Amino acid sequence: MPDELGAGTEAAVRYRERLLSDAAAAGIMIPDDIPPADTSAVYSSLALEMRLANGVVNGTYAATWPHLKQHDGDHAGFSTLRWTPARSRR
C-alpha cells in the first residue's frame, strides 16, 4: 500500500512503528499475523446462524425454542421477547 500512495519504504516503516507504538500506548495489541478467518468468533457465530436458518428452511422447529416459556406445570407459551438465560423457563 505505501507504493500505491507514493510513499517510500522508509516512510512506511516509520508509519508502522508509530502505529504500533500508539496502539500499545492505548492498550491495543496488533498481532504480527492475521489468524485464519474460520477461527474467528464472528465466523463461528455466523456459521451457527446459517445452520439455524438452514434448519428453519428445511422444516425443523429449532428457531422456536428461544421463544417457548413454561408458564406453569400445565401450560407453555410463546413469547416474542428476547430470550436471556436469566429469564428462561421461569
PDB file of N, CA and C in Angstrom:
ATOM      1  N   MET A   1       0.805  -1.201   0.000  1.00  0.00           N
ATOM      2  CA  MET A   1       0.000   0.000   0.000  1.00  0.00           C
ATOM      3  C   MET A   1       0.850   1.268   0.000  1.00  0.00           C
ATOM      4  N   PRO A   2       1.985   1.330   0.693  1.00  0.00           N
ATOM      5  CA  PRO A   2       2.783   2.561   0.621  1.00  0.00           C
ATOM      6  C   PRO A   2       3.172   2.916  -0.806  1.00  0.00           C
ATOM      7  N   ASP A   3       3.482   1.906  -1.617  1.00  0.00           N
ATOM      8  CA  ASP A   3       3.843   2.179  -3.007  1.00  0.00           C
ATOM      9  C   ASP A   3       2.685   2.808  -3.767  1.00  0.00           C
ATOM     10  N   GLU A   4       1.460   2.359  -3.462  1.00  0.00           N
ATOM     11  CA  GLU A   4       0.288   2.904  -4.133  1.00  0.00           C
ATOM     12  C   GLU A   4       0.089   4.374  -3.778  1.00  0.00           C
ATOM     13  N   LEU A   5       0.521   4.759  -2.607  1.00  0.00           N
ATOM     14  CA  LEU A   5       0.364   6.140  -2.161  1.00  0.00           C
ATOM     15  C   LEU A   5       1.572   6.998  -2.488  1.00  0.00           C
ATOM     16  N   GLY A   6       2.574   6.393  -3.087  1.00  0.00           N
ATOM     17  CA  GLY A   6       3.777   7.131  -3.421  1.00  0.00           C
ATOM     18  C   GLY A   6       4.731   7.278  -2.250  1.00  0.00           C
ATOM     19  N   ALA A   7       4.536   6.545  -1.193  1.00  0.00           N
ATOM     20  CA  ALA A   7       5.410   6.622  -0.024  1.00  0.00           C
ATOM     21  C   ALA A   7       6.569   5.654  -0.197  1.00  0.00           C
ATOM     22  N   GLY A   8       7.714   6.045   0.261  1.00  0.00           N
ATOM     23  CA  GLY A   8       8.874   5.177   0.195  1.00  0.00           C
ATOM     24  C   GLY A   8       8.874   4.178   1.344  1.00  0.00           C
ATOM     25  N   THR A   9       9.760   3.215   1.270  1.00  0.00           N
ATOM     26  CA  THR A   9       9.860   2.179   2.293  1.00  0.00           C
ATOM     27  C   THR A   9      10.158   2.776   3.656  1.00  0.00           C
ATOM     28  N   GLU A  10      11.028   3.758   3.691  1.00  0.00           N
ATOM     29  CA  GLU A  10      11.390   4.395   4.958  1.00  0.00           C
ATOM     30  C   GLU A  10      10.183   5.047   5.624  1.00  0.00           C
ATOM     31  N   ALA A  11       9.375   5.736   4.838  1.00  0.00           N
ATOM     32  CA  ALA A  11       8.172   6.383   5.373  1.00  0.00           C
ATOM     33  C   ALA A  11       7.177   5.331   5.869  1.00  0.00           C
ATOM     34  N   ALA A  12       7.060   4.235   5.141  1.00  0.00           N
ATOM     35  CA  ALA A  12       6.148   3.168   5.540  1.00  0.00           C
ATOM     36  C   ALA A  12       6.591   2.539   6.859  1.00  0.00           C
ATOM     37  N   VAL A  13       7.891   2.330   7.023  1.00  0.00           N
ATOM     38  CA  VAL A  13       8.427   1.754   8.259  1.00  0.00           C
ATOM     39  C   VAL A  13       8.164   2.695   9.427  1.00  0.00           C
ATOM     40  N   ARG A  14       8.387   3.987   9.241  1.00  0.00           N
ATOM     41  CA  ARG A  14       8.123   4.968  10.304  1.00  0.00           C
ATOM     42  C   ARG A  14       6.644   4.985  10.683  1.00  0.00           C
ATOM     43  N   TYR A  15       5.790   4.941   9.665  1.00  0.00           N
ATOM     44  CA  TYR A  15       4.347   4.943   9.914  1.00  0.00           C
ATOM     45  C   TYR A  15       3.940   3.697  10.705  1.00  0.00           C
ATOM     46  N   ARG A  16       4.465   2.548  10.310  1.00  0.00           N
ATOM     47  CA  ARG A  16       4.144   1.288  11.000  1.00  0.00           C
ATOM     48  C   ARG A  16       4.605   1.349  12.451  1.00  0.00           C
ATOM     49  N   GLU A  17       5.825   1.831  12.678  1.00  0.00           N
ATOM     50  CA  GLU A  17       6.347   1.926  14.044  1.00  0.00           C
ATOM     51  C   GLU A  17       5.496   2.864  14.894  1.00  0.00           C
ATOM     52  N   ARG A  18       5.081   3.985  14.321  1.00  0.00           N
ATOM     53  CA  ARG A  18       4.244   4.931  15.063  1.00  0.00           C
ATOM     54  C   ARG A  18       2.875   4.327  15.356  1.00  0.00           C
ATOM     55  N   LEU A  19       2.316   3.643  14.385  1.00  0.00           N
ATOM     56  CA  LEU A  19       1.018   2.998  14.570  1.00  0.00           C
ATOM     57  C   LEU A  19       1.084   1.968  15.694  1.00  0.00           C
ATOM     58  N   LEU A  20       2.114   1.120  15.673  1.00  0.00           N
ATOM     59  CA  LEU A  20       2.270   0.101  16.710  1.00  0.00           C
ATOM     60  C   LEU A  20       2.507   0.734  18.077  1.00  0.00           C
ATOM     61  N   SER A  21       3.293   1.802  18.120  1.00  0.00           N
ATOM     62  CA  SER A  21       3.561   2.498  19.377  1.00  0.00           C
ATOM     63  C   SER A  21       2.291   3.126  19.941  1.00  0.00           C
ATOM     64  N   ASP A  22       1.529   3.806  19.102  1.00  0.00           N
ATOM     65  CA  ASP A  22       0.278   4.433  19.542  1.00  0.00           C
ATOM     66  C   ASP A  22      -0.727   3.384  20.003  1.00  0.00           C
ATOM     67  N   ALA A  23      -0.796   2.272  19.295  1.00  0.00           N
ATOM     68  CA  ALA A  23      -1.717   1.200  19.668  1.00  0.00           C
ATOM     69  C   ALA A  23      -1.321   0.619  21.021  1.00  0.00           C
ATOM     70  N   ALA A  24      -0.033   0.380  21.226  1.00  0.00           N
ATOM     71  CA  ALA A  24       0.451  -0.159  22.503  1.00  0.00           C
ATOM     72  C   ALA A  24       0.146   0.805  23.646  1.00  0.00           C
ATOM     73  N   ALA A  25       0.316   2.096  23.406  1.00  0.00           N
ATOM     74  CA  ALA A  25       0.031   3.103  24.430  1.00  0.00           C
ATOM     75  C   ALA A  25      -1.453   3.121  24.795  1.00  0.00           C
ATOM     76  N   ALA A  26      -2.290   2.769  23.835  1.00  0.00           N
ATOM     77  CA  ALA A  26      -3.737   2.728  24.070  1.00  0.00           C
ATOM     78  C   ALA A  26      -4.190   1.373  24.601  1.00  0.00           C
ATOM     79  N   GLY A  27      -3.238   0.446  24.773  1.00  0.00           N
ATOM     80  CA  GLY A  27      -3.590  -0.876  25.290  1.00  0.00           C
ATOM     81  C   GLY A  27      -4.143  -1.814  24.243  1.00  0.00           C
ATOM     82  N   ILE A  28      -3.879  -1.510  22.981  1.00  0.00           N
ATOM     83  CA  ILE A  28      -4.366  -2.340  21.881  1.00  0.00           C
ATOM     84  C   ILE A  28      -3.203  -3.146  21.321  1.00  0.00           C
ATOM     85  N   MET A  29      -3.387  -4.456  21.277  1.00  0.00           N
ATOM     86  CA  MET A  29      -2.340  -5.311  20.730  1.00  0.00           C
ATOM     87  C   MET A  29      -2.648  -5.618  19.272  1.00  0.00           C
ATOM     88  N   ILE A  30      -1.725  -5.331  18.402  1.00  0.00           N
ATOM     89  CA  ILE A  30      -1.875  -5.643  16.987  1.00  0.00           C
ATOM     90  C   ILE A  30      -1.025  -6.872  16.711  1.00  0.00           C
ATOM     91  N   PRO A  31      -1.650  -7.983  16.319  1.00  0.00           N
ATOM     92  CA  PRO A  31      -0.878  -9.212  16.090  1.00  0.00           C
ATOM     93  C   PRO A  31       0.019  -9.088  14.864  1.00  0.00           C
ATOM     94  N   ASP A  32       1.103  -9.858  14.874  1.00  0.00           N
ATOM     95  CA  ASP A  32       2.010  -9.875  13.724  1.00  0.00           C
ATOM     96  C   ASP A  32       1.371 -10.532  12.515  1.00  0.00           C
ATOM     97  N   ASP A  33       0.579 -11.564  12.767  1.00  0.00           N
ATOM     98  CA  ASP A  33      -0.084 -12.288  11.686  1.00  0.00           C
ATOM     99  C   ASP A  33      -1.594 -12.257  11.888  1.00  0.00           C
ATOM    100  N   ILE A  34      -2.319 -12.309  10.812  1.00  0.00           N
ATOM    101  CA  ILE A  34      -3.774 -12.363  10.877  1.00  0.00           C
ATOM    102  C   ILE A  34      -4.175 -13.831  10.936  1.00  0.00           C
ATOM    103  N   PRO A  35      -4.949 -14.231  11.962  1.00  0.00           N
ATOM    104  CA  PRO A  35      -5.364 -15.635  12.049  1.00  0.00           C
ATOM    105  C   PRO A  35      -6.359 -15.979  10.936  1.00  0.00           C
ATOM    106  N   PRO A  36      -6.495 -17.259  10.638  1.00  0.00           N
ATOM    107  CA  PRO A  36      -7.460 -17.659   9.607  1.00  0.00           C
ATOM    108  C   PRO A  36      -8.873 -17.193   9.965  1.00  0.00           C
ATOM    109  N   ALA A  37      -9.609 -16.744   8.990  1.00  0.00           N
ATOM    110  CA  ALA A  37     -10.959 -16.206   9.232  1.00  0.00           C
ATOM    111  C   ALA A  37     -11.878 -17.235   9.871  1.00  0.00           C
ATOM    112  N   ASP A  38     -11.731 -18.500   9.514  1.00  0.00           N
ATOM    113  CA  ASP A  38     -12.658 -19.504  10.033  1.00  0.00           C
ATOM    114  C   ASP A  38     -12.426 -19.849  11.502  1.00  0.00           C
ATOM    115  N   THR A  39     -11.434 -19.218  12.145  1.00  0.00           N
ATOM    116  CA  THR A  39     -11.223 -19.432  13.573  1.00  0.00           C
ATOM    117  C   THR A  39     -11.747 -18.259  14.398  1.00  0.00           C
ATOM    118  N   SER A  40     -12.304 -17.256  13.750  1.00  0.00           N
ATOM    119  CA  SER A  40     -12.769 -16.069  14.472  1.00  0.00           C
ATOM    120  C   SER A  40     -14.145 -16.294  15.096  1.00  0.00           C
ATOM    121  N   ALA A  41     -14.447 -15.504  16.124  1.00  0.00           N
ATOM    122  CA  ALA A  41     -15.750 -15.580  16.787  1.00  0.00           C
ATOM    123  C   ALA A  41     -16.865 -15.161  15.834  1.00  0.00           C
ATOM    124  N   VAL A  42     -16.598 -14.182  14.984  1.00  0.00           N
ATOM    125  CA  VAL A  42     -17.616 -13.729  14.029  1.00  0.00           C
ATOM    126  C   VAL A  42     -17.982 -14.863  13.073  1.00  0.00           C
ATOM    127  N   TYR A  43     -16.974 -15.560  12.555  1.00  0.00           N
ATOM    128  CA  TYR A  43     -17.217 -16.668  11.636  1.00  0.00           C
ATOM    129  C   TYR A  43     -18.030 -17.760  12.330  1.00  0.00           C
ATOM    130  N   SER A  44     -17.656 -18.106  13.550  1.00  0.00           N
ATOM    131  CA  SER A  44     -18.369 -19.155  14.279  1.00  0.00           C
ATOM    132  C   SER A  44     -19.814 -18.762  14.522  1.00  0.00           C
ATOM    133  N   SER A  45     -20.043 -17.503  14.907  1.00  0.00           N
ATOM    134  CA  SER A  45     -21.388 -17.026  15.167  1.00  0.00           C
ATOM    135  C   SER A  45     -22.234 -17.046  13.894  1.00  0.00           C
ATOM    136  N   LEU A  46     -21.655 -16.588  12.793  1.00  0.00           N
ATOM    137  CA  LEU A  46     -22.396 -16.599  11.531  1.00  0.00           C
ATOM    138  C   LEU A  46     -22.667 -18.020  11.059  1.00  0.00           C
ATOM    139  N   ALA A  47     -21.718 -18.925  11.292  1.00  0.00           N
ATOM    140  CA  ALA A  47     -21.925 -20.324  10.907  1.00  0.00           C
ATOM    141  C   ALA A  47     -23.099 -20.907  11.690  1.00  0.00           C
ATOM    142  N   LEU A  48     -23.194 -20.581  12.981  1.00  0.00           N
ATOM    143  CA  LEU A  48     -24.316 -21.039  13.795  1.00  0.00           C
ATOM    144  C   LEU A  48     -25.627 -20.462  13.271  1.00  0.00           C
ATOM    145  N   GLU A  49     -25.637 -19.181  12.943  1.00  0.00           N
ATOM    146  CA  GLU A  49     -26.836 -18.545  12.376  1.00  0.00           C
ATOM    147  C   GLU A  49     -27.268 -19.239  11.085  1.00  0.00           C
ATOM    148  N   MET A  50     -26.300 -19.563  10.242  1.00  0.00           N
ATOM    149  CA  MET A  50     -26.628 -20.199   8.966  1.00  0.00           C
ATOM    150  C   MET A  50     -27.164 -21.618   9.173  1.00  0.00           C
ATOM    151  N   ARG A  51     -26.618 -22.336  10.159  1.00  0.00           N
ATOM    152  CA  ARG A  51     -27.158 -23.677  10.455  1.00  0.00           C
ATOM    153  C   ARG A  51     -28.587 -23.567  10.973  1.00  0.00           C
ATOM    154  N   LEU A  52     -28.853 -22.580  11.828  1.00  0.00           N
ATOM    155  CA  LEU A  52     -30.203 -22.354  12.334  1.00  0.00           C
ATOM    156  C   LEU A  52     -31.151 -22.013  11.182  1.00  0.00           C
ATOM    157  N   ALA A  53     -30.719 -21.117  10.304  1.00  0.00           N
ATOM    158  CA  ALA A  53     -31.549 -20.748   9.149  1.00  0.00           C
ATOM    159  C   ALA A  53     -31.816 -21.957   8.263  1.00  0.00           C
ATOM    160  N   ASN A  54     -30.801 -22.784   8.058  1.00  0.00           N
ATOM    161  CA  ASN A  54     -30.967 -23.994   7.256  1.00  0.00           C
ATOM    162  C   ASN A  54     -31.998 -24.921   7.892  1.00  0.00           C
ATOM    163  N   GLY A  55     -31.935 -25.068   9.207  1.00  0.00           N
ATOM    164  CA  GLY A  55     -32.911 -25.906   9.902  1.00  0.00           C
ATOM    165  C   GLY A  55     -34.323 -25.379   9.761  1.00  0.00           C
ATOM    166  N   VAL A  56     -34.494 -24.061   9.860  1.00  0.00           N
ATOM    167  CA  VAL A  56     -35.816 -23.469   9.719  1.00  0.00           C
ATOM    168  C   VAL A  56     -36.350 -23.680   8.307  1.00  0.00           C
ATOM    169  N   VAL A  57     -35.515 -23.449   7.320  1.00  0.00           N
ATOM    170  CA  VAL A  57     -35.922 -23.609   5.921  1.00  0.00           C
ATOM    171  C   VAL A  57     -36.299 -25.055   5.615  1.00  0.00           C
ATOM    172  N   ASN A  58     -35.592 -25.970   6.244  1.00  0.00           N
ATOM    173  CA  ASN A  58     -35.845 -27.387   5.975  1.00  0.00           C
ATOM    174  C   ASN A  58     -36.880 -28.000   6.913  1.00  0.00           C
ATOM    175  N   GLY A  59     -37.646 -27.190   7.604  1.00  0.00           N
ATOM    176  CA  GLY A  59     -38.810 -27.667   8.324  1.00  0.00           C
ATOM    177  C   GLY A  59     -38.643 -28.030   9.780  1.00  0.00           C
ATOM    178  N   THR A  60     -37.552 -27.709  10.414  1.00  0.00           N
ATOM    179  CA  THR A  60     -37.443 -28.004  11.838  1.00  0.00           C
ATOM    180  C   THR A  60     -38.046 -26.863  12.640  1.00  0.00           C
ATOM    181  N   TYR A  61     -38.199 -27.078  13.903  1.00  0.00           N
ATOM    182  CA  TYR A  61     -38.722 -26.049  14.782  1.00  0.00           C
ATOM    183  C   TYR A  61     -37.622 -25.475  15.663  1.00  0.00           C
ATOM    184  N   ALA A  62     -36.385 -25.595  15.234  1.00  0.00           N
ATOM    185  CA  ALA A  62     -35.243 -25.149  16.032  1.00  0.00           C
ATOM    186  C   ALA A  62     -35.319 -23.659  16.367  1.00  0.00           C
ATOM    187  N   ALA A  63     -35.888 -22.863  15.507  1.00  0.00           N
ATOM    188  CA  ALA A  63     -35.936 -21.420  15.748  1.00  0.00           C
ATOM    189  C   ALA A  63     -36.973 -21.036  16.800  1.00  0.00           C
ATOM    190  N   THR A  64     -37.848 -21.961  17.172  1.00  0.00           N
ATOM    191  CA  THR A  64     -38.894 -21.603  18.129  1.00  0.00           C
ATOM    192  C   THR A  64     -38.458 -21.757  19.578  1.00  0.00           C
ATOM    193  N   TRP A  65     -37.459 -22.601  19.865  1.00  0.00           N
ATOM    194  CA  TRP A  65     -37.120 -22.873  21.267  1.00  0.00           C
ATOM    195  C   TRP A  65     -36.775 -21.642  22.085  1.00  0.00           C
ATOM    196  N   PRO A  66     -36.111 -20.607  21.529  1.00  0.00           N
ATOM    197  CA  PRO A  66     -35.848 -19.445  22.386  1.00  0.00           C
ATOM    198  C   PRO A  66     -37.124 -18.706  22.799  1.00  0.00           C
ATOM    199  N   HIS A  67     -38.226 -18.959  22.104  1.00  0.00           N
ATOM    200  CA  HIS A  67     -39.466 -18.240  22.366  1.00  0.00           C
ATOM    201  C   HIS A  67     -40.404 -18.996  23.299  1.00  0.00           C
ATOM    202  N   LEU A  68     -40.136 -20.264  23.556  1.00  0.00           N
ATOM    203  CA  LEU A  68     -41.008 -21.055  24.406  1.00  0.00           C
ATOM    204  C   LEU A  68     -40.770 -20.721  25.872  1.00  0.00           C
ATOM    205  N   LYS A  69     -41.870 -20.661  26.601  1.00  0.00           N
ATOM    206  CA  LYS A  69     -41.776 -20.341  28.023  1.00  0.00           C
ATOM    207  C   LYS A  69     -42.801 -21.204  28.760  1.00  0.00           C
ATOM    208  N   GLN A  70     -42.360 -21.830  29.825  1.00  0.00           N
ATOM    209  CA  GLN A  70     -43.258 -22.630  30.641  1.00  0.00           C
ATOM    210  C   GLN A  70     -43.928 -21.707  31.648  1.00  0.00           C
ATOM    211  N   HIS A  71     -45.248 -21.524  31.527  1.00  0.00           N
ATOM    212  CA  HIS A  71     -45.964 -20.626  32.432  1.00  0.00           C
ATOM    213  C   HIS A  71     -46.199 -21.289  33.784  1.00  0.00           C
ATOM    214  N   ASP A  72     -46.603 -22.542  33.743  1.00  0.00           N
ATOM    215  CA  ASP A  72     -46.769 -23.338  34.961  1.00  0.00           C
ATOM    216  C   ASP A  72     -46.633 -24.802  34.559  1.00  0.00           C
ATOM    217  N   GLY A  73     -46.941 -25.697  35.464  1.00  0.00           N
ATOM    218  CA  GLY A  73     -46.760 -27.116  35.186  1.00  0.00           C
ATOM    219  C   GLY A  73     -47.572 -27.636  34.019  1.00  0.00           C
ATOM    220  N   ASP A  74     -48.701 -27.001  33.723  1.00  0.00           N
ATOM    221  CA  ASP A  74     -49.591 -27.490  32.671  1.00  0.00           C
ATOM    222  C   ASP A  74     -49.603 -26.635  31.410  1.00  0.00           C
ATOM    223  N   HIS A  75     -49.033 -25.465  31.454  1.00  0.00           N
ATOM    224  CA  HIS A  75     -49.166 -24.544  30.327  1.00  0.00           C
ATOM    225  C   HIS A  75     -47.819 -24.007  29.851  1.00  0.00           C
ATOM    226  N   ALA A  76     -47.654 -24.039  28.557  1.00  0.00           N
ATOM    227  CA  ALA A  76     -46.482 -23.427  27.921  1.00  0.00           C
ATOM    228  C   ALA A  76     -46.970 -22.266  27.081  1.00  0.00           C
ATOM    229  N   GLY A  77     -46.096 -21.353  26.797  1.00  0.00           N
ATOM    230  CA  GLY A  77     -46.476 -20.206  25.987  1.00  0.00           C
ATOM    231  C   GLY A  77     -45.397 -19.872  24.980  1.00  0.00           C
ATOM    232  N   PHE A  78     -45.716 -18.903  24.149  1.00  0.00           N
ATOM    233  CA  PHE A  78     -44.792 -18.446  23.124  1.00  0.00           C
ATOM    234  C   PHE A  78     -44.589 -16.962  23.334  1.00  0.00           C
ATOM    235  N   SER A  79     -43.331 -16.545  23.439  1.00  0.00           N
ATOM    236  CA  SER A  79     -43.026 -15.145  23.699  1.00  0.00           C
ATOM    237  C   SER A  79     -42.141 -14.597  22.592  1.00  0.00           C
ATOM    238  N   THR A  80     -42.379 -13.354  22.224  1.00  0.00           N
ATOM    239  CA  THR A  80     -41.521 -12.723  21.217  1.00  0.00           C
ATOM    240  C   THR A  80     -40.460 -11.863  21.868  1.00  0.00           C
ATOM    241  N   LEU A  81     -40.408 -11.864  23.215  1.00  0.00           N
ATOM    242  CA  LEU A  81     -39.354 -11.135  23.904  1.00  0.00           C
ATOM    243  C   LEU A  81     -38.044 -11.868  23.691  1.00  0.00           C
ATOM    244  N   ARG A  82     -36.966 -11.134  23.710  1.00  0.00           N
ATOM    245  CA  ARG A  82     -35.647 -11.733  23.519  1.00  0.00           C
ATOM    246  C   ARG A  82     -35.348 -12.687  24.664  1.00  0.00           C
ATOM    247  N   TRP A  83     -34.876 -13.870  24.338  1.00  0.00           N
ATOM    248  CA  TRP A  83     -34.555 -14.882  25.325  1.00  0.00           C
ATOM    249  C   TRP A  83     -33.227 -14.568  25.979  1.00  0.00           C
ATOM    250  N   THR A  84     -33.204 -14.623  27.302  1.00  0.00           N
ATOM    251  CA  THR A  84     -31.952 -14.480  28.040  1.00  0.00           C
ATOM    252  C   THR A  84     -31.934 -15.576  29.097  1.00  0.00           C
ATOM    253  N   PRO A  85     -30.758 -16.068  29.450  1.00  0.00           N
ATOM    254  CA  PRO A  85     -30.698 -17.144  30.446  1.00  0.00           C
ATOM    255  C   PRO A  85     -31.374 -16.779  31.760  1.00  0.00           C
ATOM    256  N   ALA A  86     -31.302 -15.519  32.175  1.00  0.00           N
ATOM    257  CA  ALA A  86     -31.893 -15.106  33.446  1.00  0.00           C
ATOM    258  C   ALA A  86     -33.415 -15.213  33.428  1.00  0.00           C
ATOM    259  N   ARG A  87     -34.025 -15.024  32.260  1.00  0.00           N
ATOM    260  CA  ARG A  87     -35.481 -15.062  32.172  1.00  0.00           C
ATOM    261  C   ARG A  87     -35.997 -16.389  31.652  1.00  0.00           C
ATOM    262  N   SER A  88     -35.153 -17.300  31.278  1.00  0.00           N
ATOM    263  CA  SER A  88     -35.598 -18.525  30.617  1.00  0.00           C
ATOM    264  C   SER A  88     -36.324 -19.449  31.588  1.00  0.00           C
ATOM    265  N   ARG A  89     -37.376 -20.028  31.114  1.00  0.00           N
ATOM    266  CA  ARG A  89     -38.131 -21.078  31.771  1.00  0.00           C
ATOM    267  C   ARG A  89     -38.414 -20.808  33.244  1.00  0.00           C
ATOM    268  N   ARG A  90     -39.000 -19.668  33.496  1.00  0.00           N
ATOM    269  CA  ARG A  90     -39.409 -19.336  34.872  1.00  0.00           C
ATOM    270  C   ARG A  90     -40.744 -19.956  35.154  1.00  0.00           C
TER     271      ARG A  90
END
